[in-house]
Amino acid sequence: MERVARDGIALTCCPLSNLRLQVINSMNEHPIARFMREGVTCTVNSDDPAYFGGYVAANYEALAETRLSMEQLVALAGNSIDASFADDARKTTMRAQLDSWRTAHGF
């Protein structure tokens, strides 16, 4: 985990898939908050939503129902932008949109 954090390797996390595949027994057991505390860059994703129960928004909702704060969820969204293959101009635009949303909602 130290190397992943140090090298800035982004982990794509699919919480609902992890639950459905019984990698975890409940959403409260998902390690994403611990990974974030350890400095690991995590993103929220979906893994074949038709089979594993949820598109990206549903995965965020499931995490929101656990112990993740809105600030943590916003950070995860920012990580998704930063870790994407979008060009720098697109990332700047998406970051500005996220920051605008965050400010408008008081986060």
PDB file of N, CA and C in Angstrom:
ATOM      1  N   MET A   1       0.821  -1.178   0.000  1.00  0.00           N
ATOM      2  CA  MET A   1       0.000   0.000   0.000  1.00  0.00           C
ATOM      3  C   MET A   1       0.870   1.250   0.000  1.00  0.00           C
ATOM      4  N   GLU A   2       2.010   1.187   0.671  1.00  0.00           N
ATOM      5  CA  GLU A   2       2.915   2.340   0.689  1.00  0.00           C
ATOM      6  C   GLU A   2       3.383   2.684  -0.720  1.00  0.00           C
ATOM      7  N   ARG A   3       3.734   1.685  -1.493  1.00  0.00           N
ATOM      8  CA  ARG A   3       4.203   1.934  -2.860  1.00  0.00           C
ATOM      9  C   ARG A   3       3.087   2.504  -3.729  1.00  0.00           C
ATOM     10  N   VAL A   4       1.905   1.969  -3.607  1.00  0.00           N
ATOM     11  CA  VAL A   4       0.775   2.461  -4.388  1.00  0.00           C
ATOM     12  C   VAL A   4       0.530   3.931  -4.066  1.00  0.00           C
ATOM     13  N   ALA A   5       0.556   4.277  -2.778  1.00  0.00           N
ATOM     14  CA  ALA A   5       0.360   5.673  -2.368  1.00  0.00           C
ATOM     15  C   ALA A   5       1.513   6.543  -2.858  1.00  0.00           C
ATOM     16  N   ARG A   6       2.731   6.103  -2.640  1.00  0.00           N
ATOM     17  CA  ARG A   6       3.916   6.879  -3.016  1.00  0.00           C
ATOM     18  C   ARG A   6       3.980   7.143  -4.510  1.00  0.00           C
ATOM     19  N   ASP A   7       3.660   6.132  -5.305  1.00  0.00           N
ATOM     20  CA  ASP A   7       3.761   6.256  -6.755  1.00  0.00           C
ATOM     21  C   ASP A   7       2.511   6.851  -7.393  1.00  0.00           C
ATOM     22  N   GLY A   8       1.502   7.167  -6.577  1.00  0.00           N
ATOM     23  CA  GLY A   8       0.300   7.798  -7.099  1.00  0.00           C
ATOM     24  C   GLY A   8      -0.520   6.904  -8.010  1.00  0.00           C
ATOM     25  N   ILE A   9      -0.459   5.611  -7.753  1.00  0.00           N
ATOM     26  CA  ILE A   9      -1.229   4.664  -8.559  1.00  0.00           C
ATOM     27  C   ILE A   9      -2.682   4.710  -8.095  1.00  0.00           C
ATOM     28  N   ALA A  10      -3.579   5.040  -8.990  1.00  0.00           N
ATOM     29  CA  ALA A  10      -4.996   5.138  -8.642  1.00  0.00           C
ATOM     30  C   ALA A  10      -5.638   3.754  -8.641  1.00  0.00           C
ATOM     31  N   LEU A  11      -6.396   3.469  -7.592  1.00  0.00           N
ATOM     32  CA  LEU A  11      -7.139   2.222  -7.496  1.00  0.00           C
ATOM     33  C   LEU A  11      -8.583   2.465  -7.899  1.00  0.00           C
ATOM     34  N   THR A  12      -9.079   1.668  -8.826  1.00  0.00           N
ATOM     35  CA  THR A  12     -10.483   1.753  -9.205  1.00  0.00           C
ATOM     36  C   THR A  12     -11.269   0.828  -8.286  1.00  0.00           C
ATOM     37  N   CYS A  13     -12.122   1.417  -7.474  1.00  0.00           N
ATOM     38  CA  CYS A  13     -12.896   0.654  -6.499  1.00  0.00           C
ATOM     39  C   CYS A  13     -14.342   0.538  -6.964  1.00  0.00           C
ATOM     40  N   CYS A  14     -14.870  -0.669  -6.887  1.00  0.00           N
ATOM     41  CA  CYS A  14     -16.247  -0.961  -7.289  1.00  0.00           C
ATOM     42  C   CYS A  14     -16.964  -1.559  -6.077  1.00  0.00           C
ATOM     43  N   PRO A  15     -17.402  -0.709  -5.150  1.00  0.00           N
ATOM     44  CA  PRO A  15     -17.949  -1.205  -3.884  1.00  0.00           C
ATOM     45  C   PRO A  15     -19.115  -2.176  -4.009  1.00  0.00           C
ATOM     46  N   LEU A  16     -20.075  -1.888  -4.862  1.00  0.00           N
ATOM     47  CA  LEU A  16     -21.227  -2.790  -4.974  1.00  0.00           C
ATOM     48  C   LEU A  16     -20.826  -4.133  -5.570  1.00  0.00           C
ATOM     49  N   SER A  17     -19.888  -4.137  -6.483  1.00  0.00           N
ATOM     50  CA  SER A  17     -19.363  -5.396  -7.016  1.00  0.00           C
ATOM     51  C   SER A  17     -18.651  -6.170  -5.914  1.00  0.00           C
ATOM     52  N   ASN A  18     -17.857  -5.459  -5.107  1.00  0.00           N
ATOM     53  CA  ASN A  18     -17.165  -6.115  -3.997  1.00  0.00           C
ATOM     54  C   ASN A  18     -18.153  -6.770  -3.043  1.00  0.00           C
ATOM     55  N   LEU A  19     -19.277  -6.091  -2.796  1.00  0.00           N
ATOM     56  CA  LEU A  19     -20.312  -6.647  -1.919  1.00  0.00           C
ATOM     57  C   LEU A  19     -20.970  -7.854  -2.574  1.00  0.00           C
ATOM     58  N   ARG A  20     -21.345  -7.713  -3.826  1.00  0.00           N
ATOM     59  CA  ARG A  20     -22.037  -8.798  -4.537  1.00  0.00           C
ATOM     60  C   ARG A  20     -21.156 -10.038  -4.660  1.00  0.00           C
ATOM     61  N   LEU A  21     -19.853  -9.832  -4.859  1.00  0.00           N
ATOM     62  CA  LEU A  21     -18.917 -10.959  -4.987  1.00  0.00           C
ATOM     63  C   LEU A  21     -18.430 -11.471  -3.632  1.00  0.00           C
ATOM     64  N   GLN A  22     -18.944 -10.887  -2.568  1.00  0.00           N
ATOM     65  CA  GLN A  22     -18.637 -11.274  -1.192  1.00  0.00           C
ATOM     66  C   GLN A  22     -17.175 -11.076  -0.830  1.00  0.00           C
ATOM     67  N   VAL A  23     -16.548 -10.064  -1.449  1.00  0.00           N
ATOM     68  CA  VAL A  23     -15.204  -9.659  -1.045  1.00  0.00           C
ATOM     69  C   VAL A  23     -15.308  -8.992   0.327  1.00  0.00           C
ATOM     70  N   ILE A  24     -16.440  -8.323   0.540  1.00  0.00           N
ATOM     71  CA  ILE A  24     -16.784  -7.727   1.832  1.00  0.00           C
ATOM     72  C   ILE A  24     -18.172  -8.246   2.205  1.00  0.00           C
ATOM     73  N   ASN A  25     -18.459  -8.250   3.510  1.00  0.00           N
ATOM     74  CA  ASN A  25     -19.765  -8.733   3.971  1.00  0.00           C
ATOM     75  C   ASN A  25     -20.806  -7.631   4.068  1.00  0.00           C
ATOM     76  N   SER A  26     -20.335  -6.387   4.184  1.00  0.00           N
ATOM     77  CA  SER A  26     -21.240  -5.238   4.237  1.00  0.00           C
ATOM     78  C   SER A  26     -20.486  -4.020   3.713  1.00  0.00           C
ATOM     79  N   MET A  27     -21.224  -3.016   3.301  1.00  0.00           N
ATOM     80  CA  MET A  27     -20.579  -1.802   2.801  1.00  0.00           C
ATOM     81  C   MET A  27     -19.724  -1.142   3.877  1.00  0.00           C
ATOM     82  N   ASN A  28     -20.103  -1.307   5.131  1.00  0.00           N
ATOM     83  CA  ASN A  28     -19.310  -0.726   6.220  1.00  0.00           C
ATOM     84  C   ASN A  28     -17.913  -1.334   6.315  1.00  0.00           C
ATOM     85  N   GLU A  29     -17.718  -2.487   5.723  1.00  0.00           N
ATOM     86  CA  GLU A  29     -16.402  -3.139   5.723  1.00  0.00           C
ATOM     87  C   GLU A  29     -15.526  -2.710   4.562  1.00  0.00           C
ATOM     88  N   HIS A  30     -16.082  -1.937   3.634  1.00  0.00           N
ATOM     89  CA  HIS A  30     -15.285  -1.584   2.449  1.00  0.00           C
ATOM     90  C   HIS A  30     -14.067  -0.774   2.878  1.00  0.00           C
ATOM     91  N   PRO A  31     -12.879  -1.107   2.370  1.00  0.00           N
ATOM     92  CA  PRO A  31     -11.640  -0.460   2.827  1.00  0.00           C
ATOM     93  C   PRO A  31     -11.329   0.898   2.194  1.00  0.00           C
ATOM     94  N   ILE A  32     -12.208   1.471   1.401  1.00  0.00           N
ATOM     95  CA  ILE A  32     -11.875   2.694   0.674  1.00  0.00           C
ATOM     96  C   ILE A  32     -11.494   3.843   1.613  1.00  0.00           C
ATOM     97  N   ALA A  33     -12.180   3.984   2.733  1.00  0.00           N
ATOM     98  CA  ALA A  33     -11.839   5.060   3.683  1.00  0.00           C
ATOM     99  C   ALA A  33     -10.440   4.843   4.253  1.00  0.00           C
ATOM    100  N   ARG A  34     -10.102   3.606   4.561  1.00  0.00           N
ATOM    101  CA  ARG A  34      -8.753   3.306   5.076  1.00  0.00           C
ATOM    102  C   ARG A  34      -7.704   3.590   4.018  1.00  0.00           C
ATOM    103  N   PHE A  35      -7.978   3.194   2.791  1.00  0.00           N
ATOM    104  CA  PHE A  35      -7.046   3.480   1.700  1.00  0.00           C
ATOM    105  C   PHE A  35      -6.797   4.981   1.593  1.00  0.00           C
ATOM    106  N   MET A  36      -7.867   5.756   1.650  1.00  0.00           N
ATOM    107  CA  MET A  36      -7.735   7.208   1.548  1.00  0.00           C
ATOM    108  C   MET A  36      -6.908   7.778   2.696  1.00  0.00           C
ATOM    109  N   ARG A  37      -7.154   7.278   3.906  1.00  0.00           N
ATOM    110  CA  ARG A  37      -6.356   7.739   5.072  1.00  0.00           C
ATOM    111  C   ARG A  37      -4.877   7.418   4.891  1.00  0.00           C
ATOM    112  N   GLU A  38      -4.579   6.342   4.192  1.00  0.00           N
ATOM    113  CA  GLU A  38      -3.198   5.923   3.959  1.00  0.00           C
ATOM    114  C   GLU A  38      -2.572   6.639   2.763  1.00  0.00           C
ATOM    115  N   GLY A  39      -3.332   7.543   2.150  1.00  0.00           N
ATOM    116  CA  GLY A  39      -2.790   8.324   1.043  1.00  0.00           C
ATOM    117  C   GLY A  39      -2.922   7.692  -0.319  1.00  0.00           C
ATOM    118  N   VAL A  40      -3.710   6.631  -0.422  1.00  0.00           N
ATOM    119  CA  VAL A  40      -3.916   5.958  -1.701  1.00  0.00           C
ATOM    120  C   VAL A  40      -4.973   6.730  -2.497  1.00  0.00           C
ATOM    121  N   THR A  41      -4.701   6.950  -3.757  1.00  0.00           N
ATOM    122  CA  THR A  41      -5.655   7.601  -4.642  1.00  0.00           C
ATOM    123  C   THR A  41      -6.674   6.560  -5.089  1.00  0.00           C
ATOM    124  N   CYS A  42      -7.935   6.766  -4.709  1.00  0.00           N
ATOM    125  CA  CYS A  42      -9.005   5.843  -5.064  1.00  0.00           C
ATOM    126  C   CYS A  42     -10.024   6.547  -5.930  1.00  0.00           C
ATOM    127  N   THR A  43     -10.657   5.785  -6.801  1.00  0.00           N
ATOM    128  CA  THR A  43     -11.769   6.273  -7.594  1.00  0.00           C
ATOM    129  C   THR A  43     -12.946   5.322  -7.407  1.00  0.00           C
ATOM    130  N   VAL A  44     -14.141   5.842  -7.628  1.00  0.00           N
ATOM    131  CA  VAL A  44     -15.349   5.020  -7.518  1.00  0.00           C
ATOM    132  C   VAL A  44     -15.814   4.683  -8.920  1.00  0.00           C
ATOM    133  N   ASN A  45     -16.062   3.415  -9.149  1.00  0.00           N
ATOM    134  CA  ASN A  45     -16.424   2.918 -10.471  1.00  0.00           C
ATOM    135  C   ASN A  45     -17.534   1.881 -10.350  1.00  0.00           C
ATOM    136  N   SER A  46     -18.008   1.415 -11.482  1.00  0.00           N
ATOM    137  CA  SER A  46     -18.975   0.319 -11.503  1.00  0.00           C
ATOM    138  C   SER A  46     -18.348  -0.832 -12.269  1.00  0.00           C
ATOM    139  N   ASP A  47     -18.746  -2.014 -11.905  1.00  0.00           N
ATOM    140  CA  ASP A  47     -18.207  -3.216 -12.537  1.00  0.00           C
ATOM    141  C   ASP A  47     -19.385  -4.000 -13.100  1.00  0.00           C
ATOM    142  N   ASP A  48     -19.617  -3.853 -14.388  1.00  0.00           N
ATOM    143  CA  ASP A  48     -20.706  -4.551 -15.064  1.00  0.00           C
ATOM    144  C   ASP A  48     -22.010  -4.406 -14.265  1.00  0.00           C
ATOM    145  N   PRO A  49     -22.556  -3.185 -14.255  1.00  0.00           N
ATOM    146  CA  PRO A  49     -23.696  -2.850 -13.396  1.00  0.00           C
ATOM    147  C   PRO A  49     -24.900  -3.771 -13.526  1.00  0.00           C
ATOM    148  N   ALA A  50     -25.139  -4.318 -14.689  1.00  0.00           N
ATOM    149  CA  ALA A  50     -26.295  -5.200 -14.853  1.00  0.00           C
ATOM    150  C   ALA A  50     -26.180  -6.446 -13.973  1.00  0.00           C
ATOM    151  N   TYR A  51     -24.964  -6.887 -13.717  1.00  0.00           N
ATOM    152  CA  TYR A  51     -24.750  -8.084 -12.915  1.00  0.00           C
ATOM    153  C   TYR A  51     -24.437  -7.783 -11.453  1.00  0.00           C
ATOM    154  N   PHE A  52     -23.775  -6.665 -11.210  1.00  0.00           N
ATOM    155  CA  PHE A  52     -23.282  -6.402  -9.865  1.00  0.00           C
ATOM    156  C   PHE A  52     -24.034  -5.303  -9.132  1.00  0.00           C
ATOM    157  N   GLY A  53     -25.109  -4.790  -9.713  1.00  0.00           N
ATOM    158  CA  GLY A  53     -26.017  -3.949  -8.958  1.00  0.00           C
ATOM    159  C   GLY A  53     -25.661  -2.492  -8.840  1.00  0.00           C
ATOM    160  N   GLY A  54     -25.464  -1.809  -9.911  1.00  0.00           N
ATOM    161  CA  GLY A  54     -25.365  -0.373  -9.783  1.00  0.00           C
ATOM    162  C   GLY A  54     -24.340   0.296 -10.651  1.00  0.00           C
ATOM    163  N   TYR A  55     -24.782   1.394 -11.230  1.00  0.00           N
ATOM    164  CA  TYR A  55     -23.874   2.251 -11.981  1.00  0.00           C
ATOM    165  C   TYR A  55     -23.061   3.083 -10.997  1.00  0.00           C
ATOM    166  N   VAL A  56     -22.235   3.966 -11.495  1.00  0.00           N
ATOM    167  CA  VAL A  56     -21.320   4.731 -10.642  1.00  0.00           C
ATOM    168  C   VAL A  56     -22.077   5.483  -9.553  1.00  0.00           C
ATOM    169  N   ALA A  57     -23.174   6.140  -9.907  1.00  0.00           N
ATOM    170  CA  ALA A  57     -23.926   6.914  -8.910  1.00  0.00           C
ATOM    171  C   ALA A  57     -24.410   6.022  -7.768  1.00  0.00           C
ATOM    172  N   ALA A  58     -24.848   4.819  -8.071  1.00  0.00           N
ATOM    173  CA  ALA A  58     -25.298   3.894  -7.027  1.00  0.00           C
ATOM    174  C   ALA A  58     -24.148   3.495  -6.110  1.00  0.00           C
ATOM    175  N   ASN A  59     -22.943   3.381  -6.655  1.00  0.00           N
ATOM    176  CA  ASN A  59     -21.780   3.071  -5.829  1.00  0.00           C
ATOM    177  C   ASN A  59     -21.473   4.226  -4.881  1.00  0.00           C
ATOM    178  N   TYR A  60     -21.584   5.469  -5.388  1.00  0.00           N
ATOM    179  CA  TYR A  60     -21.409   6.635  -4.514  1.00  0.00           C
ATOM    180  C   TYR A  60     -22.478   6.654  -3.423  1.00  0.00           C
ATOM    181  N   GLU A  61     -23.724   6.374  -3.798  1.00  0.00           N
ATOM    182  CA  GLU A  61     -24.809   6.353  -2.811  1.00  0.00           C
ATOM    183  C   GLU A  61     -24.553   5.313  -1.734  1.00  0.00           C
ATOM    184  N   ALA A  62     -24.090   4.147  -2.133  1.00  0.00           N
ATOM    185  CA  ALA A  62     -23.801   3.093  -1.157  1.00  0.00           C
ATOM    186  C   ALA A  62     -22.697   3.536  -0.199  1.00  0.00           C
ATOM    187  N   LEU A  63     -21.686   4.210  -0.710  1.00  0.00           N
ATOM    188  CA  LEU A  63     -20.619   4.714   0.157  1.00  0.00           C
ATOM    189  C   LEU A  63     -21.123   5.835   1.062  1.00  0.00           C
ATOM    190  N   ALA A  64     -22.015   6.676   0.530  1.00  0.00           N
ATOM    191  CA  ALA A  64     -22.565   7.772   1.333  1.00  0.00           C
ATOM    192  C   ALA A  64     -23.374   7.236   2.513  1.00  0.00           C
ATOM    193  N   GLU A  65     -23.963   6.073   2.349  1.00  0.00           N
ATOM    194  CA  GLU A  65     -24.760   5.473   3.418  1.00  0.00           C
ATOM    195  C   GLU A  65     -23.881   4.833   4.492  1.00  0.00           C
ATOM    196  N   THR A  66     -22.584   4.771   4.234  1.00  0.00           N
ATOM    197  CA  THR A  66     -21.656   4.235   5.242  1.00  0.00           C
ATOM    198  C   THR A  66     -21.037   5.402   5.988  1.00  0.00           C
ATOM    199  N   ARG A  67     -19.767   5.330   6.251  1.00  0.00           N
ATOM    200  CA  ARG A  67     -19.101   6.337   7.070  1.00  0.00           C
ATOM    201  C   ARG A  67     -18.377   7.416   6.262  1.00  0.00           C
ATOM    202  N   LEU A  68     -18.508   7.421   4.958  1.00  0.00           N
ATOM    203  CA  LEU A  68     -17.805   8.432   4.172  1.00  0.00           C
ATOM    204  C   LEU A  68     -18.544   9.770   4.222  1.00  0.00           C
ATOM    205  N   SER A  69     -17.778  10.807   4.429  1.00  0.00           N
ATOM    206  CA  SER A  69     -18.344  12.153   4.473  1.00  0.00           C
ATOM    207  C   SER A  69     -18.508  12.690   3.057  1.00  0.00           C
ATOM    208  N   MET A  70     -19.262  13.766   2.936  1.00  0.00           N
ATOM    209  CA  MET A  70     -19.425  14.392   1.625  1.00  0.00           C
ATOM    210  C   MET A  70     -18.071  14.888   1.119  1.00  0.00           C
ATOM    211  N   GLU A  71     -17.216  15.377   2.010  1.00  0.00           N
ATOM    212  CA  GLU A  71     -15.887  15.824   1.600  1.00  0.00           C
ATOM    213  C   GLU A  71     -15.081  14.671   1.012  1.00  0.00           C
ATOM    214  N   GLN A  72     -15.198  13.494   1.607  1.00  0.00           N
ATOM    215  CA  GLN A  72     -14.497  12.329   1.080  1.00  0.00           C
ATOM    216  C   GLN A  72     -15.056  11.921  -0.286  1.00  0.00           C
ATOM    217  N   LEU A  73     -16.372  11.995  -0.432  1.00  0.00           N
ATOM    218  CA  LEU A  73     -16.985  11.641  -1.709  1.00  0.00           C
ATOM    219  C   LEU A  73     -16.573  12.621  -2.799  1.00  0.00           C
ATOM    220  N   VAL A  74     -16.493  13.898  -2.450  1.00  0.00           N
ATOM    221  CA  VAL A  74     -16.029  14.905  -3.411  1.00  0.00           C
ATOM    222  C   VAL A  74     -14.567  14.635  -3.775  1.00  0.00           C
ATOM    223  N   ALA A  75     -13.756  14.258  -2.794  1.00  0.00           N
ATOM    224  CA  ALA A  75     -12.352  13.937  -3.076  1.00  0.00           C
ATOM    225  C   ALA A  75     -12.249  12.749  -4.025  1.00  0.00           C
ATOM    226  N   LEU A  76     -13.100  11.755  -3.839  1.00  0.00           N
ATOM    227  CA  LEU A  76     -13.105  10.603  -4.741  1.00  0.00           C
ATOM    228  C   LEU A  76     -13.463  11.017  -6.164  1.00  0.00           C
ATOM    229  N   ALA A  77     -14.433  11.919  -6.290  1.00  0.00           N
ATOM    230  CA  ALA A  77     -14.799  12.417  -7.622  1.00  0.00           C
ATOM    231  C   ALA A  77     -13.621  13.161  -8.250  1.00  0.00           C
ATOM    232  N   GLY A  78     -12.932  13.958  -7.446  1.00  0.00           N
ATOM    233  CA  GLY A  78     -11.746  14.664  -7.948  1.00  0.00           C
ATOM    234  C   GLY A  78     -10.654  13.701  -8.371  1.00  0.00           C
ATOM    235  N   ASN A  79     -10.490  12.644  -7.610  1.00  0.00           N
ATOM    236  CA  ASN A  79      -9.499  11.629  -7.980  1.00  0.00           C
ATOM    237  C   ASN A  79      -9.827  11.016  -9.338  1.00  0.00           C
ATOM    238  N   SER A  80     -11.110  10.816  -9.586  1.00  0.00           N
ATOM    239  CA  SER A  80     -11.530  10.242 -10.867  1.00  0.00           C
ATOM    240  C   SER A  80     -11.138  11.144 -12.025  1.00  0.00           C
ATOM    241  N   ILE A  81     -11.282  12.439 -11.809  1.00  0.00           N
ATOM    242  CA  ILE A  81     -10.880  13.395 -12.844  1.00  0.00           C
ATOM    243  C   ILE A  81      -9.374  13.327 -13.046  1.00  0.00           C
ATOM    244  N   ASP A  82      -8.636  13.407 -11.952  1.00  0.00           N
ATOM    245  CA  ASP A  82      -7.173  13.440 -12.032  1.00  0.00           C
ATOM    246  C   ASP A  82      -6.592  12.165 -12.628  1.00  0.00           C
ATOM    247  N   ALA A  83      -7.216  11.023 -12.338  1.00  0.00           N
ATOM    248  CA  ALA A  83      -6.688   9.738 -12.807  1.00  0.00           C
ATOM    249  C   ALA A  83      -7.178   9.372 -14.202  1.00  0.00           C
ATOM    250  N   SER A  84      -8.069  10.174 -14.750  1.00  0.00           N
ATOM    251  CA  SER A  84      -8.635   9.841 -16.059  1.00  0.00           C
ATOM    252  C   SER A  84      -7.602  10.049 -17.171  1.00  0.00           C
ATOM    253  N   PHE A  85      -7.946   9.551 -18.336  1.00  0.00           N
ATOM    254  CA  PHE A  85      -7.093   9.733 -19.504  1.00  0.00           C
ATOM    255  C   PHE A  85      -7.462  10.984 -20.294  1.00  0.00           C
ATOM    256  N   ALA A  86      -8.316  11.826 -19.716  1.00  0.00           N
ATOM    257  CA  ALA A  86      -8.692  13.070 -20.384  1.00  0.00           C
ATOM    258  C   ALA A  86      -7.469  13.973 -20.510  1.00  0.00           C
ATOM    259  N   ASP A  87      -7.494  14.829 -21.516  1.00  0.00           N
ATOM    260  CA  ASP A  87      -6.375  15.760 -21.654  1.00  0.00           C
ATOM    261  C   ASP A  87      -6.472  16.840 -20.572  1.00  0.00           C
ATOM    262  N   ASP A  88      -5.395  17.579 -20.405  1.00  0.00           N
ATOM    263  CA  ASP A  88      -5.327  18.557 -19.324  1.00  0.00           C
ATOM    264  C   ASP A  88      -6.426  19.607 -19.405  1.00  0.00           C
ATOM    265  N   ALA A  89      -6.772  20.040 -20.599  1.00  0.00           N
ATOM    266  CA  ALA A  89      -7.823  21.050 -20.754  1.00  0.00           C
ATOM    267  C   ALA A  89      -9.165  20.502 -20.253  1.00  0.00           C
ATOM    268  N   ARG A  90      -9.473  19.271 -20.611  1.00  0.00           N
ATOM    269  CA  ARG A  90     -10.737  18.656 -20.159  1.00  0.00           C
ATOM    270  C   ARG A  90     -10.724  18.457 -18.656  1.00  0.00           C
ATOM    271  N   LYS A  91      -9.598  18.019 -18.112  1.00  0.00           N
ATOM    272  CA  LYS A  91      -9.498  17.842 -16.663  1.00  0.00           C
ATOM    273  C   LYS A  91      -9.714  19.168 -15.943  1.00  0.00           C
ATOM    274  N   THR A  92      -9.158  20.232 -16.477  1.00  0.00           N
ATOM    275  CA  THR A  92      -9.331  21.557 -15.873  1.00  0.00           C
ATOM    276  C   THR A  92     -10.802  21.946 -15.876  1.00  0.00           C
ATOM    277  N   THR A  93     -11.495  21.698 -16.978  1.00  0.00           N
ATOM    278  CA  THR A  93     -12.919  22.003 -17.076  1.00  0.00           C
ATOM    279  C   THR A  93     -13.726  21.189 -16.064  1.00  0.00           C
ATOM    280  N   MET A  94     -13.452  19.896 -16.001  1.00  0.00           N
ATOM    281  CA  MET A  94     -14.188  19.034 -15.071  1.00  0.00           C
ATOM    282  C   MET A  94     -13.899  19.403 -13.616  1.00  0.00           C
ATOM    283  N   ARG A  95     -12.638  19.731 -13.320  1.00  0.00           N
ATOM    284  CA  ARG A  95     -12.274  20.157 -11.965  1.00  0.00           C
ATOM    285  C   ARG A  95     -13.029  21.423 -11.580  1.00  0.00           C
ATOM    286  N   ALA A  96     -13.132  22.372 -12.508  1.00  0.00           N
ATOM    287  CA  ALA A  96     -13.858  23.618 -12.251  1.00  0.00           C
ATOM    288  C   ALA A  96     -15.340  23.331 -11.995  1.00  0.00           C
ATOM    289  N   GLN A  97     -15.910  22.405 -12.747  1.00  0.00           N
ATOM    290  CA  GLN A  97     -17.310  22.034 -12.533  1.00  0.00           C
ATOM    291  C   GLN A  97     -17.502  21.391 -11.163  1.00  0.00           C
ATOM    292  N   LEU A  98     -16.605  20.510 -10.786  1.00  0.00           N
ATOM    293  CA  LEU A  98     -16.686  19.876  -9.472  1.00  0.00           C
ATOM    294  C   LEU A  98     -16.526  20.908  -8.364  1.00  0.00           C
ATOM    295  N   ASP A  99     -15.559  21.802  -8.509  1.00  0.00           N
ATOM    296  CA  ASP A  99     -15.343  22.841  -7.505  1.00  0.00           C
ATOM    297  C   ASP A  99     -16.556  23.757  -7.385  1.00  0.00           C
ATOM    298  N   SER A 100     -17.172  24.077  -8.502  1.00  0.00           N
ATOM    299  CA  SER A 100     -18.373  24.913  -8.505  1.00  0.00           C
ATOM    300  C   SER A 100     -19.516  24.205  -7.775  1.00  0.00           C
ATOM    301  N   TRP A 101     -19.697  22.931  -8.062  1.00  0.00           N
ATOM    302  CA  TRP A 101     -20.736  22.149  -7.382  1.00  0.00           C
ATOM    303  C   TRP A 101     -20.455  22.094  -5.880  1.00  0.00           C
ATOM    304  N   ARG A 102     -19.214  21.814  -5.530  1.00  0.00           N
ATOM    305  CA  ARG A 102     -18.826  21.705  -4.121  1.00  0.00           C
ATOM    306  C   ARG A 102     -19.120  23.017  -3.385  1.00  0.00           C
ATOM    307  N   THR A 103     -18.736  24.122  -3.985  1.00  0.00           N
ATOM    308  CA  THR A 103     -18.959  25.434  -3.368  1.00  0.00           C
ATOM    309  C   THR A 103     -20.448  25.727  -3.240  1.00  0.00           C
ATOM    310  N   ALA A 104     -21.203  25.434  -4.283  1.00  0.00           N
ATOM    311  CA  ALA A 104     -22.652  25.684  -4.272  1.00  0.00           C
ATOM    312  C   ALA A 104     -23.373  24.883  -3.195  1.00  0.00           C
ATOM    313  N   HIS A 105     -22.807  23.724  -2.873  1.00  0.00           N
ATOM    314  CA  HIS A 105     -23.431  22.854  -1.863  1.00  0.00           C
ATOM    315  C   HIS A 105     -22.764  22.943  -0.491  1.00  0.00           C
ATOM    316  N   GLY A 106     -21.809  23.836  -0.360  1.00  0.00           N
ATOM    317  CA  GLY A 106     -21.195  24.064   0.941  1.00  0.00           C
ATOM    318  C   GLY A 106     -20.210  23.019   1.400  1.00  0.00           C
ATOM    319  N   PHE A 107     -19.544  22.380   0.460  1.00  0.00           N
ATOM    320  CA  PHE A 107     -18.551  21.369   0.830  1.00  0.00           C
ATOM    321  C   PHE A 107     -17.200  21.866   0.449  1.00  0.00           C
TER     322      PHE A 107
END
